[in-house]
Amino acid sequence: QMLGLITTKPVLYLANVEDSDVNGRGELAQRVREHA
């Protein structure tokens, strides 16, 4: 805690998608979802 390392923090991914894929069902967004 005293070291304050950045990679101890949790990461949340915002997938910036096409306007035709607002719910993130496309192949690129799916890859991010699976990684998360």
Full PDB file with SEQRES, HELIX, SHEET, SSBOND, CRYST1, ORIGX, SCALE, CONECT and MASTER records, all heavy atoms in Angstrom:
SEQRES   1 A   36  GLN MET LEU GLY LEU ILE THR THR LYS PRO VAL LEU TYR          
SEQRES   2 A   36  LEU ALA ASN VAL GLU ASP SER ASP VAL ASN GLY ARG GLY          
SEQRES   3 A   36  GLU LEU ALA GLN ARG VAL ARG GLU HIS ALA                      
HELIX    1 AA1 ILE A    6  THR A    8  5                                   3    
HELIX    2 AA2 GLU A   27  HIS A   35  1                                   9    
CRYST1    1.000    1.000    1.000  90.00  90.00  90.00 P 1           1          
ORIGX1      1.000000  0.000000  0.000000        0.00000                         
ORIGX2      0.000000  1.000000  0.000000        0.00000                         
ORIGX3      0.000000  0.000000  1.000000        0.00000                         
SCALE1      1.000000  0.000000  0.000000        0.00000                         
SCALE2      0.000000  1.000000  0.000000        0.00000                         
SCALE3      0.000000  0.000000  1.000000        0.00000                         
ATOM      1  N   GLN A   1       0.827  -1.205   0.000  1.00  0.00           N  
ATOM      2  CA  GLN A   1       0.000   0.000   0.000  1.00  0.00           C  
ATOM      3  C   GLN A   1       0.863   1.258   0.000  1.00  0.00           C  
ATOM      4  O   GLN A   1       0.549   2.247  -0.663  1.00  0.00           O  
ATOM      5  CB  GLN A   1      -0.930  -0.001   1.208  1.00  0.00           C  
ATOM      6  CG  GLN A   1      -2.046  -1.046   1.134  1.00  0.00           C  
ATOM      7  CD  GLN A   1      -2.960  -0.968   2.344  1.00  0.00           C  
ATOM      8  OE1 GLN A   1      -2.518  -0.698   3.453  1.00  0.00           O  
ATOM      9  NE2 GLN A   1      -4.249  -1.221   2.126  1.00  0.00           N  
ATOM     10  N   MET A   2       1.967   1.221   0.754  1.00  0.00           N  
ATOM     11  CA  MET A   2       2.850   2.384   0.823  1.00  0.00           C  
ATOM     12  C   MET A   2       3.558   2.647  -0.500  1.00  0.00           C  
ATOM     13  O   MET A   2       3.850   3.792  -0.843  1.00  0.00           O  
ATOM     14  CB  MET A   2       3.875   2.203   1.946  1.00  0.00           C  
ATOM     15  CG  MET A   2       3.288   2.311   3.339  1.00  0.00           C  
ATOM     16  SD  MET A   2       4.557   2.289   4.633  1.00  0.00           S  
ATOM     17  CE  MET A   2       4.966   0.541   4.699  1.00  0.00           C  
ATOM     18  N   LEU A   3       3.827   1.603  -1.278  1.00  0.00           N  
ATOM     19  CA  LEU A   3       4.521   1.768  -2.558  1.00  0.00           C  
ATOM     20  C   LEU A   3       3.652   2.471  -3.595  1.00  0.00           C  
ATOM     21  O   LEU A   3       4.155   3.151  -4.480  1.00  0.00           O  
ATOM     22  CB  LEU A   3       4.965   0.406  -3.094  1.00  0.00           C  
ATOM     23  CG  LEU A   3       6.139  -0.268  -2.396  1.00  0.00           C  
ATOM     24  CD1 LEU A   3       6.333  -1.672  -2.941  1.00  0.00           C  
ATOM     25  CD2 LEU A   3       7.416   0.560  -2.571  1.00  0.00           C  
ATOM     26  N   GLY A   4       2.345   2.290  -3.503  1.00  0.00           N  
ATOM     27  CA  GLY A   4       1.435   2.953  -4.436  1.00  0.00           C  
ATOM     28  C   GLY A   4       1.599   2.510  -5.872  1.00  0.00           C  
ATOM     29  O   GLY A   4       1.570   3.342  -6.793  1.00  0.00           O  
ATOM     30  N   LEU A   5       1.765   1.216  -6.100  1.00  0.00           N  
ATOM     31  CA  LEU A   5       1.966   0.720  -7.461  1.00  0.00           C  
ATOM     32  C   LEU A   5       0.675   0.804  -8.275  1.00  0.00           C  
ATOM     33  O   LEU A   5      -0.412   0.508  -7.786  1.00  0.00           O  
ATOM     34  CB  LEU A   5       2.470  -0.726  -7.423  1.00  0.00           C  
ATOM     35  CG  LEU A   5       3.808  -0.952  -6.707  1.00  0.00           C  
ATOM     36  CD1 LEU A   5       4.193  -2.421  -6.771  1.00  0.00           C  
ATOM     37  CD2 LEU A   5       4.906  -0.083  -7.308  1.00  0.00           C  
ATOM     38  N   ILE A   6       0.828   1.179  -9.534  1.00  0.00           N  
ATOM     39  CA  ILE A   6      -0.333   1.372 -10.405  1.00  0.00           C  
ATOM     40  C   ILE A   6      -1.035   0.056 -10.695  1.00  0.00           C  
ATOM     41  O   ILE A   6      -2.267  -0.009 -10.727  1.00  0.00           O  
ATOM     42  CB  ILE A   6       0.109   2.030 -11.733  1.00  0.00           C  
ATOM     43  CG1 ILE A   6       0.779   3.375 -11.466  1.00  0.00           C  
ATOM     44  CG2 ILE A   6      -1.087   2.202 -12.671  1.00  0.00           C  
ATOM     45  CD1 ILE A   6       1.505   3.942 -12.673  1.00  0.00           C  
ATOM     46  N   THR A   7      -0.254  -1.007 -10.913  1.00  0.00           N  
ATOM     47  CA  THR A   7      -0.867  -2.264 -11.364  1.00  0.00           C  
ATOM     48  C   THR A   7      -1.452  -3.097 -10.227  1.00  0.00           C  
ATOM     49  O   THR A   7      -1.856  -4.235 -10.445  1.00  0.00           O  
ATOM     50  CB  THR A   7       0.134  -3.110 -12.178  1.00  0.00           C  
ATOM     51  OG1 THR A   7       1.262  -3.450 -11.358  1.00  0.00           O  
ATOM     52  CG2 THR A   7       0.594  -2.375 -13.421  1.00  0.00           C  
ATOM     53  N   THR A   8      -1.514  -2.527  -9.029  1.00  0.00           N  
ATOM     54  CA  THR A   8      -2.313  -3.172  -7.974  1.00  0.00           C  
ATOM     55  C   THR A   8      -3.786  -2.782  -8.125  1.00  0.00           C  
ATOM     56  O   THR A   8      -4.662  -3.423  -7.541  1.00  0.00           O  
ATOM     57  CB  THR A   8      -1.847  -2.754  -6.570  1.00  0.00           C  
ATOM     58  OG1 THR A   8      -1.948  -1.324  -6.450  1.00  0.00           O  
ATOM     59  CG2 THR A   8      -0.409  -3.185  -6.311  1.00  0.00           C  
ATOM     60  N   LYS A   9      -4.057  -1.746  -8.901  1.00  0.00           N  
ATOM     61  CA  LYS A   9      -5.422  -1.231  -9.032  1.00  0.00           C  
ATOM     62  C   LYS A   9      -6.220  -2.089 -10.010  1.00  0.00           C  
ATOM     63  O   LYS A   9      -5.696  -2.553 -11.024  1.00  0.00           O  
ATOM     64  CB  LYS A   9      -5.397   0.215  -9.522  1.00  0.00           C  
ATOM     65  CG  LYS A   9      -4.580   1.143  -8.634  1.00  0.00           C  
ATOM     66  CD  LYS A   9      -4.535   2.546  -9.178  1.00  0.00           C  
ATOM     67  CE  LYS A   9      -3.542   3.390  -8.392  1.00  0.00           C  
ATOM     68  NZ  LYS A   9      -3.888   3.522  -6.967  1.00  0.00           N  
ATOM     69  N   PRO A  10      -7.519  -2.293  -9.739  1.00  0.00           N  
ATOM     70  CA  PRO A  10      -8.349  -3.031 -10.690  1.00  0.00           C  
ATOM     71  C   PRO A  10      -8.558  -2.233 -11.968  1.00  0.00           C  
ATOM     72  O   PRO A  10      -8.526  -0.992 -11.947  1.00  0.00           O  
ATOM     73  CB  PRO A  10      -9.671  -3.228  -9.927  1.00  0.00           C  
ATOM     74  CG  PRO A  10      -9.693  -2.128  -8.922  1.00  0.00           C  
ATOM     75  CD  PRO A  10      -8.266  -1.860  -8.547  1.00  0.00           C  
ATOM     76  N   VAL A  11      -8.756  -2.945 -13.069  1.00  0.00           N  
ATOM     77  CA  VAL A  11      -8.952  -2.310 -14.376  1.00  0.00           C  
ATOM     78  C   VAL A  11     -10.337  -2.644 -14.903  1.00  0.00           C  
ATOM     79  O   VAL A  11     -10.765  -3.801 -14.872  1.00  0.00           O  
ATOM     80  CB  VAL A  11      -7.887  -2.784 -15.392  1.00  0.00           C  
ATOM     81  CG1 VAL A  11      -8.123  -2.122 -16.754  1.00  0.00           C  
ATOM     82  CG2 VAL A  11      -6.485  -2.482 -14.895  1.00  0.00           C  
ATOM     83  N   LEU A  12     -11.037  -1.630 -15.378  1.00  0.00           N  
ATOM     84  CA  LEU A  12     -12.334  -1.796 -16.025  1.00  0.00           C  
ATOM     85  C   LEU A  12     -12.170  -1.378 -17.479  1.00  0.00           C  
ATOM     86  O   LEU A  12     -11.550  -0.346 -17.766  1.00  0.00           O  
ATOM     87  CB  LEU A  12     -13.383  -0.940 -15.326  1.00  0.00           C  
ATOM     88  CG  LEU A  12     -14.839  -1.067 -15.749  1.00  0.00           C  
ATOM     89  CD1 LEU A  12     -15.761  -0.708 -14.580  1.00  0.00           C  
ATOM     90  CD2 LEU A  12     -15.179  -0.167 -16.934  1.00  0.00           C  
ATOM     91  N   TYR A  13     -12.697  -2.169 -18.407  1.00  0.00           N  
ATOM     92  CA  TYR A  13     -12.509  -1.908 -19.831  1.00  0.00           C  
ATOM     93  C   TYR A  13     -13.755  -1.275 -20.437  1.00  0.00           C  
ATOM     94  O   TYR A  13     -14.856  -1.813 -20.329  1.00  0.00           O  
ATOM     95  CB  TYR A  13     -12.170  -3.206 -20.572  1.00  0.00           C  
ATOM     96  CG  TYR A  13     -10.911  -3.855 -20.051  1.00  0.00           C  
ATOM     97  CD1 TYR A  13     -10.987  -4.905 -19.134  1.00  0.00           C  
ATOM     98  CD2 TYR A  13      -9.657  -3.393 -20.424  1.00  0.00           C  
ATOM     99  CE1 TYR A  13      -9.835  -5.495 -18.625  1.00  0.00           C  
ATOM    100  CE2 TYR A  13      -8.493  -3.961 -19.923  1.00  0.00           C  
ATOM    101  CZ  TYR A  13      -8.590  -5.009 -19.021  1.00  0.00           C  
ATOM    102  OH  TYR A  13      -7.444  -5.582 -18.509  1.00  0.00           O  
ATOM    103  N   LEU A  14     -13.576  -0.103 -21.070  1.00  0.00           N  
ATOM    104  CA  LEU A  14     -14.641   0.544 -21.825  1.00  0.00           C  
ATOM    105  C   LEU A  14     -14.383   0.273 -23.308  1.00  0.00           C  
ATOM    106  O   LEU A  14     -13.412   0.775 -23.875  1.00  0.00           O  
ATOM    107  CB  LEU A  14     -14.642   2.052 -21.583  1.00  0.00           C  
ATOM    108  CG  LEU A  14     -15.310   2.607 -20.332  1.00  0.00           C  
ATOM    109  CD1 LEU A  14     -15.306   4.129 -20.366  1.00  0.00           C  
ATOM    110  CD2 LEU A  14     -16.727   2.105 -20.182  1.00  0.00           C  
ATOM    111  N   ALA A  15     -15.223  -0.545 -23.909  1.00  0.00           N  
ATOM    112  CA  ALA A  15     -15.076  -0.874 -25.327  1.00  0.00           C  
ATOM    113  C   ALA A  15     -15.797   0.178 -26.144  1.00  0.00           C  
ATOM    114  O   ALA A  15     -17.031   0.245 -26.132  1.00  0.00           O  
ATOM    115  CB  ALA A  15     -15.641  -2.269 -25.605  1.00  0.00           C  
ATOM    116  N   ASN A  16     -15.046   1.020 -26.834  1.00  0.00           N  
ATOM    117  CA  ASN A  16     -15.633   2.080 -27.658  1.00  0.00           C  
ATOM    118  C   ASN A  16     -16.050   1.472 -28.996  1.00  0.00           C  
ATOM    119  O   ASN A  16     -15.202   1.158 -29.835  1.00  0.00           O  
ATOM    120  CB  ASN A  16     -14.626   3.209 -27.862  1.00  0.00           C  
ATOM    121  CG  ASN A  16     -15.263   4.435 -28.492  1.00  0.00           C  
ATOM    122  OD1 ASN A  16     -16.479   4.516 -28.654  1.00  0.00           O  
ATOM    123  ND2 ASN A  16     -14.430   5.399 -28.864  1.00  0.00           N  
ATOM    124  N   VAL A  17     -17.354   1.299 -29.168  1.00  0.00           N  
ATOM    125  CA  VAL A  17     -17.881   0.504 -30.281  1.00  0.00           C  
ATOM    126  C   VAL A  17     -18.492   1.378 -31.370  1.00  0.00           C  
ATOM    127  O   VAL A  17     -18.693   2.582 -31.204  1.00  0.00           O  
ATOM    128  CB  VAL A  17     -18.953  -0.493 -29.769  1.00  0.00           C  
ATOM    129  CG1 VAL A  17     -18.337  -1.480 -28.792  1.00  0.00           C  
ATOM    130  CG2 VAL A  17     -20.126   0.257 -29.118  1.00  0.00           C  
ATOM    131  N   GLU A  18     -18.788   0.742 -32.512  1.00  0.00           N  
ATOM    132  CA  GLU A  18     -19.519   1.398 -33.605  1.00  0.00           C  
ATOM    133  C   GLU A  18     -20.923   1.762 -33.127  1.00  0.00           C  
ATOM    134  O   GLU A  18     -21.478   1.113 -32.236  1.00  0.00           O  
ATOM    135  CB  GLU A  18     -19.645   0.434 -34.795  1.00  0.00           C  
ATOM    136  CG  GLU A  18     -18.344  -0.185 -35.262  1.00  0.00           C  
ATOM    137  CD  GLU A  18     -17.677   0.628 -36.356  1.00  0.00           C  
ATOM    138  OE1 GLU A  18     -18.190   1.723 -36.679  1.00  0.00           O  
ATOM    139  OE2 GLU A  18     -16.663   0.175 -36.880  1.00  0.00           O  
ATOM    140  N   ASP A  19     -21.532   2.770 -33.761  1.00  0.00           N  
ATOM    141  CA  ASP A  19     -22.890   3.131 -33.367  1.00  0.00           C  
ATOM    142  C   ASP A  19     -23.913   2.077 -33.782  1.00  0.00           C  
ATOM    143  O   ASP A  19     -25.054   2.109 -33.329  1.00  0.00           O  
ATOM    144  CB  ASP A  19     -23.284   4.512 -33.890  1.00  0.00           C  
ATOM    145  CG  ASP A  19     -23.150   4.637 -35.401  1.00  0.00           C  
ATOM    146  OD1 ASP A  19     -22.876   3.618 -36.063  1.00  0.00           O  
ATOM    147  OD2 ASP A  19     -23.336   5.750 -35.919  1.00  0.00           O  
ATOM    148  N   SER A  20     -23.488   1.118 -34.614  1.00  0.00           N  
ATOM    149  CA  SER A  20     -24.373   0.009 -34.987  1.00  0.00           C  
ATOM    150  C   SER A  20     -24.241  -1.173 -34.024  1.00  0.00           C  
ATOM    151  O   SER A  20     -24.907  -2.192 -34.185  1.00  0.00           O  
ATOM    152  CB  SER A  20     -24.051  -0.467 -36.409  1.00  0.00           C  
ATOM    153  OG  SER A  20     -22.689  -0.883 -36.504  1.00  0.00           O  
ATOM    154  N   ASP A  21     -23.384  -1.018 -33.009  1.00  0.00           N  
ATOM    155  CA  ASP A  21     -23.137  -2.121 -32.070  1.00  0.00           C  
ATOM    156  C   ASP A  21     -23.110  -1.600 -30.639  1.00  0.00           C  
ATOM    157  O   ASP A  21     -22.181  -1.855 -29.880  1.00  0.00           O  
ATOM    158  CB  ASP A  21     -21.799  -2.799 -32.425  1.00  0.00           C  
ATOM    159  CG  ASP A  21     -21.507  -4.032 -31.573  1.00  0.00           C  
ATOM    160  OD1 ASP A  21     -22.480  -4.732 -31.199  1.00  0.00           O  
ATOM    161  OD2 ASP A  21     -20.328  -4.289 -31.264  1.00  0.00           O  
ATOM    162  N   VAL A  22     -24.161  -0.852 -30.254  1.00  0.00           N  
ATOM    163  CA  VAL A  22     -24.159  -0.159 -28.966  1.00  0.00           C  
ATOM    164  C   VAL A  22     -24.101  -1.096 -27.769  1.00  0.00           C  
ATOM    165  O   VAL A  22     -23.662  -0.711 -26.684  1.00  0.00           O  
ATOM    166  CB  VAL A  22     -25.388   0.772 -28.828  1.00  0.00           C  
ATOM    167  CG1 VAL A  22     -25.287   1.928 -29.799  1.00  0.00           C  
ATOM    168  CG2 VAL A  22     -26.685  -0.008 -29.020  1.00  0.00           C  
ATOM    169  N   ASN A  23     -24.546  -2.348 -27.943  1.00  0.00           N  
ATOM    170  CA  ASN A  23     -24.515  -3.301 -26.827  1.00  0.00           C  
ATOM    171  C   ASN A  23     -23.296  -4.224 -26.865  1.00  0.00           C  
ATOM    172  O   ASN A  23     -23.213  -5.173 -26.093  1.00  0.00           O  
ATOM    173  CB  ASN A  23     -25.810  -4.117 -26.802  1.00  0.00           C  
ATOM    174  CG  ASN A  23     -27.015  -3.257 -26.456  1.00  0.00           C  
ATOM    175  OD1 ASN A  23     -26.988  -2.502 -25.490  1.00  0.00           O  
ATOM    176  ND2 ASN A  23     -28.070  -3.327 -27.258  1.00  0.00           N  
ATOM    177  N   GLY A  24     -22.371  -3.930 -27.761  1.00  0.00           N  
ATOM    178  CA  GLY A  24     -21.096  -4.636 -27.772  1.00  0.00           C  
ATOM    179  C   GLY A  24     -21.184  -6.109 -28.110  1.00  0.00           C  
ATOM    180  O   GLY A  24     -20.532  -6.932 -27.465  1.00  0.00           O  
ATOM    181  N   ARG A  25     -21.945  -6.429 -29.156  1.00  0.00           N  
ATOM    182  CA  ARG A  25     -22.063  -7.828 -29.570  1.00  0.00           C  
ATOM    183  C   ARG A  25     -21.142  -8.173 -30.731  1.00  0.00           C  
ATOM    184  O   ARG A  25     -21.045  -9.329 -31.137  1.00  0.00           O  
ATOM    185  CB  ARG A  25     -23.518  -8.145 -29.965  1.00  0.00           C  
ATOM    186  CG  ARG A  25     -24.534  -7.904 -28.852  1.00  0.00           C  
ATOM    187  CD  ARG A  25     -24.195  -8.697 -27.611  1.00  0.00           C  
ATOM    188  NE  ARG A  25     -25.102  -8.393 -26.495  1.00  0.00           N  
ATOM    189  CZ  ARG A  25     -24.875  -8.796 -25.258  1.00  0.00           C  
ATOM    190  NH1 ARG A  25     -23.788  -9.507 -24.969  1.00  0.00           N  
ATOM    191  NH2 ARG A  25     -25.731  -8.483 -24.291  1.00  0.00           N  
ATOM    192  N   GLY A  26     -20.476  -7.171 -31.291  1.00  0.00           N  
ATOM    193  CA  GLY A  26     -19.573  -7.407 -32.410  1.00  0.00           C  
ATOM    194  C   GLY A  26     -18.318  -8.162 -32.002  1.00  0.00           C  
ATOM    195  O   GLY A  26     -17.998  -8.291 -30.813  1.00  0.00           O  
ATOM    196  N   GLU A  27     -17.574  -8.628 -33.000  1.00  0.00           N  
ATOM    197  CA  GLU A  27     -16.413  -9.491 -32.743  1.00  0.00           C  
ATOM    198  C   GLU A  27     -15.334  -8.786 -31.921  1.00  0.00           C  
ATOM    199  O   GLU A  27     -14.759  -9.366 -30.993  1.00  0.00           O  
ATOM    200  CB  GLU A  27     -15.839  -9.965 -34.084  1.00  0.00           C  
ATOM    201  CG  GLU A  27     -14.724 -10.992 -33.957  1.00  0.00           C  
ATOM    202  CD  GLU A  27     -13.331 -10.373 -33.958  1.00  0.00           C  
ATOM    203  OE1 GLU A  27     -13.193  -9.241 -34.475  1.00  0.00           O  
ATOM    204  OE2 GLU A  27     -12.400 -11.004 -33.419  1.00  0.00           O  
ATOM    205  N   LEU A  28     -15.056  -7.517 -32.214  1.00  0.00           N  
ATOM    206  CA  LEU A  28     -14.009  -6.796 -31.486  1.00  0.00           C  
ATOM    207  C   LEU A  28     -14.392  -6.607 -30.014  1.00  0.00           C  
ATOM    208  O   LEU A  28     -13.579  -6.840 -29.109  1.00  0.00           O  
ATOM    209  CB  LEU A  28     -13.741  -5.443 -32.144  1.00  0.00           C  
ATOM    210  CG  LEU A  28     -13.119  -5.475 -33.540  1.00  0.00           C  
ATOM    211  CD1 LEU A  28     -13.052  -4.062 -34.122  1.00  0.00           C  
ATOM    212  CD2 LEU A  28     -11.720  -6.095 -33.505  1.00  0.00           C  
ATOM    213  N   ALA A  29     -15.639  -6.194 -29.772  1.00  0.00           N  
ATOM    214  CA  ALA A  29     -16.091  -6.001 -28.395  1.00  0.00           C  
ATOM    215  C   ALA A  29     -16.152  -7.321 -27.639  1.00  0.00           C  
ATOM    216  O   ALA A  29     -15.838  -7.368 -26.435  1.00  0.00           O  
ATOM    217  CB  ALA A  29     -17.465  -5.321 -28.383  1.00  0.00           C  
ATOM    218  N   GLN A  30     -16.534  -8.386 -28.317  1.00  0.00           N  
ATOM    219  CA  GLN A  30     -16.590  -9.702 -27.678  1.00  0.00           C  
ATOM    220  C   GLN A  30     -15.211 -10.125 -27.188  1.00  0.00           C  
ATOM    221  O   GLN A  30     -15.078 -10.735 -26.123  1.00  0.00           O  
ATOM    222  CB  GLN A  30     -17.152 -10.741 -28.642  1.00  0.00           C  
ATOM    223  CG  GLN A  30     -18.674 -10.751 -28.754  1.00  0.00           C  
ATOM    224  CD  GLN A  30     -19.324 -11.203 -27.461  1.00  0.00           C  
ATOM    225  OE1 GLN A  30     -20.033 -10.442 -26.799  1.00  0.00           O  
ATOM    226  NE2 GLN A  30     -19.096 -12.439 -27.064  1.00  0.00           N  
ATOM    227  N   ARG A  31     -14.193  -9.797 -27.947  1.00  0.00           N  
ATOM    228  CA  ARG A  31     -12.824 -10.147 -27.534  1.00  0.00           C  
ATOM    229  C   ARG A  31     -12.450  -9.432 -26.232  1.00  0.00           C  
ATOM    230  O   ARG A  31     -11.804 -10.020 -25.359  1.00  0.00           O  
ATOM    231  CB  ARG A  31     -11.840  -9.805 -28.645  1.00  0.00           C  
ATOM    232  CG  ARG A  31     -11.964 -10.718 -29.872  1.00  0.00           C  
ATOM    233  CD  ARG A  31     -11.114 -10.220 -31.019  1.00  0.00           C  
ATOM    234  NE  ARG A  31      -9.696 -10.217 -30.675  1.00  0.00           N  
ATOM    235  CZ  ARG A  31      -8.743  -9.664 -31.447  1.00  0.00           C  
ATOM    236  NH1 ARG A  31      -9.083  -9.049 -32.561  1.00  0.00           N  
ATOM    237  NH2 ARG A  31      -7.485  -9.703 -31.070  1.00  0.00           N  
ATOM    238  N   VAL A  32     -12.874  -8.189 -26.120  1.00  0.00           N  
ATOM    239  CA  VAL A  32     -12.598  -7.442 -24.878  1.00  0.00           C  
ATOM    240  C   VAL A  32     -13.394  -8.029 -23.721  1.00  0.00           C  
ATOM    241  O   VAL A  32     -12.878  -8.189 -22.613  1.00  0.00           O  
ATOM    242  CB  VAL A  32     -12.926  -5.941 -25.065  1.00  0.00           C  
ATOM    243  CG1 VAL A  32     -12.684  -5.177 -23.757  1.00  0.00           C  
ATOM    244  CG2 VAL A  32     -12.098  -5.340 -26.186  1.00  0.00           C  
ATOM    245  N   ARG A  33     -14.660  -8.376 -23.980  1.00  0.00           N  
ATOM    246  CA  ARG A  33     -15.496  -8.973 -22.941  1.00  0.00           C  
ATOM    247  C   ARG A  33     -14.881 -10.282 -22.435  1.00  0.00           C  
ATOM    248  O   ARG A  33     -14.836 -10.531 -21.218  1.00  0.00           O  
ATOM    249  CB  ARG A  33     -16.909  -9.215 -23.483  1.00  0.00           C  
ATOM    250  CG  ARG A  33     -17.871  -9.794 -22.443  1.00  0.00           C  
ATOM    251  CD  ARG A  33     -19.276  -9.967 -22.999  1.00  0.00           C  
ATOM    252  NE  ARG A  33     -19.985  -8.688 -23.103  1.00  0.00           N  
ATOM    253  CZ  ARG A  33     -20.232  -8.050 -24.242  1.00  0.00           C  
ATOM    254  NH1 ARG A  33     -19.845  -8.581 -25.396  1.00  0.00           N  
ATOM    255  NH2 ARG A  33     -20.877  -6.902 -24.246  1.00  0.00           N  
ATOM    256  N   GLU A  34     -14.428 -11.115 -23.348  1.00  0.00           N  
ATOM    257  CA  GLU A  34     -13.827 -12.395 -22.963  1.00  0.00           C  
ATOM    258  C   GLU A  34     -12.541 -12.181 -22.170  1.00  0.00           C  
ATOM    259  O   GLU A  34     -12.266 -12.900 -21.204  1.00  0.00           O  
ATOM    260  CB  GLU A  34     -13.560 -13.243 -24.213  1.00  0.00           C  
ATOM    261  CG  GLU A  34     -14.837 -13.754 -24.885  1.00  0.00           C  
ATOM    262  CD  GLU A  34     -14.597 -14.271 -26.288  1.00  0.00           C  
ATOM    263  OE1 GLU A  34     -13.409 -14.282 -26.722  1.00  0.00           O  
ATOM    264  OE2 GLU A  34     -15.569 -14.652 -26.955  1.00  0.00           O  
ATOM    265  N   HIS A  35     -11.749 -11.185 -22.582  1.00  0.00           N  
ATOM    266  CA  HIS A  35     -10.521 -10.875 -21.837  1.00  0.00           C  
ATOM    267  C   HIS A  35     -10.859 -10.421 -20.420  1.00  0.00           C  
ATOM    268  O   HIS A  35     -10.227 -10.865 -19.452  1.00  0.00           O  
ATOM    269  CB  HIS A  35      -9.728  -9.781 -22.552  1.00  0.00           C  
ATOM    270  CG  HIS A  35      -8.542  -9.291 -21.777  1.00  0.00           C  
ATOM    271  ND1 HIS A  35      -7.329  -9.942 -21.773  1.00  0.00           N  
ATOM    272  CD2 HIS A  35      -8.395  -8.218 -20.940  1.00  0.00           C  
ATOM    273  CE1 HIS A  35      -6.482  -9.293 -20.990  1.00  0.00           C  
ATOM    274  NE2 HIS A  35      -7.106  -8.248 -20.466  1.00  0.00           N  
ATOM    275  N   ALA A  36     -11.852  -9.538 -20.293  1.00  0.00           N  
ATOM    276  CA  ALA A  36     -12.249  -9.053 -18.972  1.00  0.00           C  
ATOM    277  C   ALA A  36     -12.696 -10.202 -18.078  1.00  0.00           C  
ATOM    278  O   ALA A  36     -12.352 -10.255 -16.888  1.00  0.00           O  
ATOM    279  CB  ALA A  36     -13.364  -8.013 -19.115  1.00  0.00           C  
TER     280      ALA A  36                                                      
MASTER        0    0    0    2    0    0    0    6  279    1    0    3          
END                                                                             
